[in-house]
Amino acid sequence: MAILLGVSISSCFAAPSLASLRGNYQTSIQVAPTMQMPLPKPPAALFDSVRYDSDGMSLAAFVTPDPNDGDKHPAIVWITGGESNTLADFWRKGSRQNDQTASPYRDAGVIMMFPTLRGGNDNAGNIEVNYGEVDDVIAAAEYLATLPYVDSSRIYLGGHSTGGTLALLVSEVASSTHPELFKEVISFGATQETMFLQEVDFTGDEQREMDLRAPANWTNDIRMPTWIIEGKRDGNYRDLKPMCDKNKSPMLHCAFIARHEHFSVLYPLNRHLAQQIMADEPLSIDSMKSWAIKSNIKTNKPSALL
């Protein structure tokens, strides 16, 4: 007698996660060497220079100093755009139309961590362009959680542009490996696939290398609240919208903001999110709202962090 079990074939053969595939694969990427920049020296009142360990490497990072108020504070790890492994003058605020420093978080009282990643600045290791760097970001957040003035249950991850793409990959991996590490993830102006700003070569399976660096392939792995945010004017909106339209993860939210582009969207949305983080509220964004920017006095422009 045939017995039918109430289990679908598809459930027996679930697709492997990004975390599991990465765990069994060593990247073969070779990145053209570039001149390493010395570590920046932000004002001591704004950031402490620290080291964190990742894959046996000691990597540099900059963290908001202890406020010495006896409280535990929410914190955010922020990944800059451009060549995200390296930091320059990341603390110098830009105009409200282009503030790539995520300054609204520190202005609101959120503890900030800016990590350098393998191969960047004076770090050991080689740049792997959104592969080993995923492990670095997770290790940086684990270090941040150990600080006595940080509330380890309220650590967020954010990034912009190439840093936003890396933040998405971290969300997809950490959802399996470190599900309690990040309270929410904020990704500004990411892309469906990793964009290579350097000349690279793969000695192994190039298609596999590309697939493991493409956030669009792994959105079903996301099990922590994750936000994709971009301006509708120019930027990466047209690249991200198909990914969001196909998304089936209830934890992935997309907010496309009218009358803003890749850079102008940063200041008003970061200010809004910082206020929610300080109030310990779930992050939410009304895409239909008018996110107007009031002009301010022009300040020192940040280095190119695209």
Protein backbone atom coordinates (compact mmCIF):
# COMPACT_ATOMS: atom_id res chain seq x y z
CA MET A 1 0.00 0.00 0.00
CA ALA A 2 1.35 3.38 -0.96
CA ILE A 3 1.57 5.89 1.87
CA LEU A 4 1.62 9.58 1.02
CA LEU A 5 3.65 11.70 3.41
CA GLY A 6 2.64 15.33 3.93
CA VAL A 7 6.03 16.70 2.89
CA SER A 8 6.57 18.47 -0.40
CA ILE A 9 9.49 17.53 -2.60
CA SER A 10 10.66 21.14 -2.60
CA SER A 11 10.92 21.20 1.20
CA CYS A 12 13.17 18.14 1.09
CA PHE A 13 15.54 19.89 -1.29
CA ALA A 14 15.72 23.42 0.08
CA ALA A 15 18.13 25.69 -1.77
CA PRO A 16 21.45 26.08 0.06
CA SER A 17 21.97 29.38 1.84
CA LEU A 18 24.64 31.91 0.96
CA ALA A 19 26.26 31.24 4.33
CA SER A 20 26.56 27.51 3.66
CA LEU A 21 27.93 28.00 0.14
CA ARG A 22 30.49 30.54 1.33
CA GLY A 23 31.59 28.16 4.07
CA ASN A 24 32.66 25.63 1.48
CA TYR A 25 34.33 27.98 -0.99
CA GLN A 26 37.59 29.90 -0.95
CA THR A 27 37.59 32.87 -3.29
CA SER A 28 40.15 32.92 -6.10
CA ILE A 29 39.90 36.67 -6.69
CA GLN A 30 43.03 38.64 -7.50
CA VAL A 31 42.76 42.40 -7.15
CA ALA A 32 45.21 44.73 -8.84
CA PRO A 33 47.41 46.28 -6.12
CA THR A 34 46.83 49.89 -5.16
CA MET A 35 48.76 52.27 -2.94
CA GLN A 36 47.65 51.82 0.66
CA MET A 37 46.56 54.97 2.45
CA PRO A 38 47.72 55.69 6.02
CA LEU A 39 45.06 55.49 8.70
CA PRO A 40 43.13 58.74 9.11
CA LYS A 41 43.33 60.69 12.36
CA PRO A 42 39.89 61.92 13.37
CA PRO A 43 39.51 64.26 16.35
CA ALA A 44 39.84 62.34 19.62
CA ALA A 45 36.60 63.86 20.83
CA LEU A 46 34.75 62.17 17.96
CA PHE A 47 36.39 58.76 17.51
CA ASP A 48 38.79 56.37 19.23
CA SER A 49 41.16 54.28 17.11
CA VAL A 50 40.77 50.57 17.93
CA ARG A 51 41.69 47.17 16.46
CA TYR A 52 39.38 44.20 15.99
CA ASP A 53 40.22 40.63 14.96
CA SER A 54 38.86 38.94 11.85
CA ASP A 55 40.13 35.65 10.40
CA GLY A 56 43.33 35.99 12.42
CA MET A 57 43.99 39.55 11.20
CA SER A 58 44.12 42.69 13.32
CA LEU A 59 42.06 45.32 11.51
CA ALA A 60 41.62 49.01 12.29
CA ALA A 61 38.37 50.71 13.19
CA PHE A 62 37.12 53.96 14.69
CA VAL A 63 34.50 54.06 17.44
CA THR A 64 32.64 56.79 19.30
CA PRO A 65 34.34 57.26 22.70
CA ASP A 66 32.63 56.21 25.92
CA PRO A 67 30.22 59.01 26.92
CA ASN A 68 30.97 58.10 30.56
CA ASP A 69 27.33 58.47 31.55
CA GLY A 70 26.94 54.94 32.88
CA ASP A 71 24.34 54.03 30.23
CA LYS A 72 24.36 51.47 27.46
CA HIS A 73 23.68 53.06 24.08
CA PRO A 74 22.44 51.87 20.69
CA ALA A 75 25.19 51.59 18.09
CA ILE A 76 25.61 51.30 14.36
CA VAL A 77 28.40 49.85 12.21
CA TRP A 78 28.65 52.02 9.09
CA ILE A 79 30.24 50.88 5.81
CA THR A 80 31.27 53.72 3.52
CA GLY A 81 30.90 53.72 -0.24
CA GLY A 82 33.61 53.57 -2.86
CA GLU A 83 36.45 51.23 -1.95
CA SER A 84 34.89 50.27 1.36
CA ASN A 85 37.99 48.56 2.77
CA THR A 86 39.76 51.92 3.21
CA LEU A 87 38.80 54.97 5.25
CA ALA A 88 39.83 58.58 4.64
CA ASP A 89 38.30 61.65 6.33
CA PHE A 90 35.06 59.84 7.14
CA TRP A 91 34.10 62.22 9.99
CA ARG A 92 33.98 65.43 7.92
CA LYS A 93 30.34 66.26 7.32
CA GLY A 94 29.18 67.07 3.83
CA SER A 95 26.26 69.27 2.88
CA ARG A 96 22.76 68.03 3.56
CA GLN A 97 22.51 67.27 -0.16
CA ASN A 98 25.50 64.92 0.05
CA ASP A 99 26.42 63.82 3.57
CA GLN A 100 28.13 60.44 3.13
CA THR A 101 29.38 60.43 6.73
CA ALA A 102 26.09 59.26 8.29
CA SER A 103 26.50 62.14 10.74
CA PRO A 104 22.85 62.21 11.89
CA TYR A 105 23.50 59.08 13.95
CA ARG A 106 26.33 60.57 15.98
CA ASP A 107 24.42 63.85 16.27
CA ALA A 108 21.49 61.93 17.77
CA GLY A 109 23.66 60.05 20.25
CA VAL A 110 24.04 56.71 18.50
CA ILE A 111 27.46 55.11 19.04
CA MET A 112 29.17 54.76 15.65
CA MET A 113 31.78 52.33 14.40
CA PHE A 114 33.59 52.79 11.09
CA PRO A 115 35.65 49.66 10.38
CA THR A 116 38.38 49.36 7.82
CA LEU A 117 38.39 45.97 6.13
CA ARG A 118 41.03 43.48 5.00
CA GLY A 119 43.63 44.98 2.68
CA GLY A 120 42.54 48.55 3.42
CA ASN A 121 44.73 51.27 4.94
CA ASP A 122 47.47 49.55 6.98
CA ASN A 123 45.59 46.25 7.33
CA ALA A 124 46.90 42.79 6.62
CA GLY A 125 45.17 40.59 4.08
CA ASN A 126 43.99 41.23 0.55
CA ILE A 127 40.94 43.04 -0.75
CA GLU A 128 38.35 40.43 -1.76
CA VAL A 129 35.56 42.79 -2.89
CA ASN A 130 32.54 41.76 -0.81
CA TYR A 131 33.66 38.23 0.05
CA GLY A 132 35.95 38.00 3.08
CA GLU A 133 34.79 41.51 3.93
CA VAL A 134 31.45 40.00 4.99
CA ASP A 135 33.31 38.20 7.78
CA ASP A 136 35.13 41.42 8.69
CA VAL A 137 31.91 43.37 9.18
CA ILE A 138 30.47 40.61 11.37
CA ALA A 139 33.70 40.54 13.41
CA ALA A 140 33.60 44.34 13.78
CA ALA A 141 30.04 44.16 15.14
CA GLU A 142 31.05 41.42 17.57
CA TYR A 143 33.83 43.68 18.85
CA LEU A 144 31.39 46.58 19.17
CA ALA A 145 29.05 44.40 21.24
CA THR A 146 31.79 43.92 23.86
CA LEU A 147 32.14 47.62 24.66
CA PRO A 148 30.72 48.38 28.11
CA TYR A 149 28.80 51.44 26.93
CA VAL A 150 27.11 49.68 23.98
CA ASP A 151 23.75 47.93 24.25
CA SER A 152 24.57 44.66 22.48
CA SER A 153 20.87 44.07 21.77
CA ARG A 154 20.64 47.34 19.81
CA ILE A 155 23.43 47.12 17.23
CA TYR A 156 22.50 48.18 13.70
CA LEU A 157 24.35 47.89 10.41
CA GLY A 158 24.29 50.53 7.71
CA GLY A 159 26.06 51.33 4.48
CA HIS A 160 25.86 53.41 1.33
CA SER A 161 26.43 52.51 -2.33
CA THR A 162 29.10 49.79 -2.45
CA GLY A 163 28.87 49.79 1.34
CA GLY A 164 25.13 49.27 1.01
CA THR A 165 25.71 46.26 -1.21
CA LEU A 166 28.08 44.81 1.37
CA ALA A 167 25.52 45.48 4.12
CA LEU A 168 22.95 43.42 2.19
CA LEU A 169 25.37 40.52 1.83
CA VAL A 170 26.13 40.69 5.56
CA SER A 171 22.40 40.57 6.33
CA GLU A 172 22.01 37.51 4.10
CA VAL A 173 24.92 35.69 5.75
CA ALA A 174 24.44 36.82 9.36
CA SER A 175 20.77 35.81 9.24
CA SER A 176 22.07 32.22 9.28
CA THR A 177 25.31 32.53 11.25
CA HIS A 178 24.66 35.39 13.72
CA PRO A 179 20.87 35.90 13.80
CA GLU A 180 20.92 38.03 16.98
CA LEU A 181 23.88 40.26 16.09
CA PHE A 182 22.10 43.07 14.24
CA LYS A 183 18.77 44.52 15.29
CA GLU A 184 18.16 45.93 11.79
CA VAL A 185 20.17 46.54 8.63
CA ILE A 186 20.06 49.73 6.53
CA SER A 187 21.28 49.63 2.93
CA PHE A 188 21.36 52.86 0.92
CA GLY A 189 21.87 52.79 -2.84
CA ALA A 190 23.04 49.18 -3.19
CA THR A 191 23.12 47.18 -6.41
CA GLN A 192 21.81 43.72 -7.32
CA GLU A 193 25.36 42.55 -8.00
CA THR A 194 28.72 43.64 -6.67
CA MET A 195 30.27 46.40 -8.74
CA PHE A 196 34.02 46.08 -9.15
CA LEU A 197 35.77 49.45 -8.89
CA GLN A 198 39.21 47.84 -9.20
CA GLU A 199 40.70 45.63 -11.88
CA VAL A 200 40.10 42.04 -10.77
CA ASP A 201 40.77 38.55 -12.06
CA PHE A 202 39.45 35.15 -11.01
CA THR A 203 41.59 32.04 -11.31
CA GLY A 204 38.62 29.83 -10.44
CA ASP A 205 34.93 29.69 -11.38
CA GLU A 206 34.15 33.31 -12.30
CA GLN A 207 30.37 32.82 -12.50
CA ARG A 208 30.31 31.25 -9.05
CA GLU A 209 32.40 34.12 -7.71
CA MET A 210 29.93 36.64 -9.13
CA ASP A 211 26.89 34.72 -7.84
CA LEU A 212 28.25 34.62 -4.29
CA ARG A 213 28.66 38.40 -4.37
CA ALA A 214 25.20 39.20 -5.77
CA PRO A 215 22.67 40.18 -3.07
CA ALA A 216 19.77 39.69 -5.47
CA ASN A 217 20.43 35.92 -5.46
CA TRP A 218 20.01 35.50 -1.70
CA THR A 219 17.17 37.72 -0.49
CA ASN A 220 15.26 34.64 0.71
CA ASP A 221 18.03 34.14 3.30
CA ILE A 222 17.21 37.45 5.02
CA ARG A 223 15.67 36.84 8.42
CA MET A 224 16.48 40.11 10.16
CA PRO A 225 14.73 43.42 9.37
CA THR A 226 16.60 44.89 6.40
CA TRP A 227 15.94 48.11 4.51
CA ILE A 228 16.86 48.97 0.93
CA ILE A 229 16.66 52.73 0.41
CA GLU A 230 17.37 54.77 -2.70
CA GLY A 231 16.27 57.99 -4.34
CA LYS A 232 14.07 57.60 -7.41
CA ARG A 233 16.01 60.23 -9.32
CA ASP A 234 19.05 58.66 -10.96
CA GLY A 235 21.21 56.47 -8.70
CA ASN A 236 20.56 52.74 -8.53
CA TYR A 237 16.77 52.84 -8.34
CA ARG A 238 16.26 51.09 -11.70
CA ASP A 239 18.69 48.36 -10.67
CA LEU A 240 17.08 47.78 -7.27
CA LYS A 241 13.39 47.93 -8.18
CA PRO A 242 13.26 44.55 -10.00
CA MET A 243 14.96 42.91 -7.01
CA CYS A 244 12.42 44.44 -4.65
CA ASP A 245 9.51 43.50 -6.94
CA LYS A 246 10.62 39.84 -6.87
CA ASN A 247 11.38 39.81 -3.14
CA LYS A 248 9.53 37.21 -1.08
CA SER A 249 11.25 37.78 2.25
CA PRO A 250 8.92 39.45 4.77
CA MET A 251 12.01 40.89 6.48
CA LEU A 252 13.25 42.84 3.43
CA HIS A 253 11.69 46.26 2.96
CA CYS A 254 12.27 48.68 0.09
CA ALA A 255 11.80 52.44 0.24
CA PHE A 256 12.25 54.47 -2.93
CA ILE A 257 12.11 58.20 -2.25
CA ALA A 258 10.73 60.65 -4.82
CA ARG A 259 12.63 63.85 -5.65
CA HIS A 260 15.85 62.44 -4.20
CA GLU A 261 18.87 60.82 -5.77
CA HIS A 262 21.74 58.59 -4.68
CA PHE A 263 23.25 61.18 -2.33
CA SER A 264 20.51 63.61 -1.34
CA VAL A 265 18.48 60.76 0.17
CA LEU A 266 21.13 60.14 2.83
CA TYR A 267 20.75 63.06 5.21
CA PRO A 268 16.95 63.21 5.71
CA LEU A 269 16.51 59.44 5.91
CA ASN A 270 19.47 58.89 8.21
CA ARG A 271 18.19 61.65 10.49
CA HIS A 272 14.75 59.99 10.56
CA LEU A 273 16.20 56.52 11.25
CA ALA A 274 18.54 57.86 13.95
CA GLN A 275 15.56 59.29 15.81
CA GLN A 276 13.79 55.94 15.66
CA ILE A 277 16.89 54.11 16.87
CA MET A 278 17.27 56.45 19.84
CA ALA A 279 13.59 55.94 20.69
CA ASP A 280 14.09 52.16 20.40
CA GLU A 281 11.32 51.95 17.83
CA PRO A 282 11.12 49.51 14.89
CA LEU A 283 12.47 51.25 11.81
CA SER A 284 9.81 52.46 9.40
CA ILE A 285 9.84 54.70 6.34
CA ASP A 286 6.91 56.36 4.59
CA SER A 287 8.00 56.43 0.94
CA MET A 288 5.14 58.79 0.09
CA LYS A 289 6.28 61.47 2.53
CA SER A 290 7.98 64.60 1.27
CA TRP A 291 11.54 64.25 2.56
CA ALA A 292 12.52 67.84 1.90
CA ILE A 293 15.99 69.04 2.87
CA LYS A 294 16.42 72.47 4.41
CA SER A 295 19.58 74.10 3.18
CA ASN A 296 22.44 74.51 5.63
CA ILE A 297 25.76 76.29 5.70
CA LYS A 298 28.19 74.46 3.48
CA THR A 299 30.76 72.44 5.44
CA ASN A 300 33.89 70.59 4.46
CA LYS A 301 33.06 68.13 1.72
CA PRO A 302 33.86 64.48 2.50
CA SER A 303 36.34 62.62 0.37
CA ALA A 304 34.83 60.71 -2.54
CA LEU A 305 33.09 57.75 -0.92
CA LEU A 306 30.87 56.84 -3.86
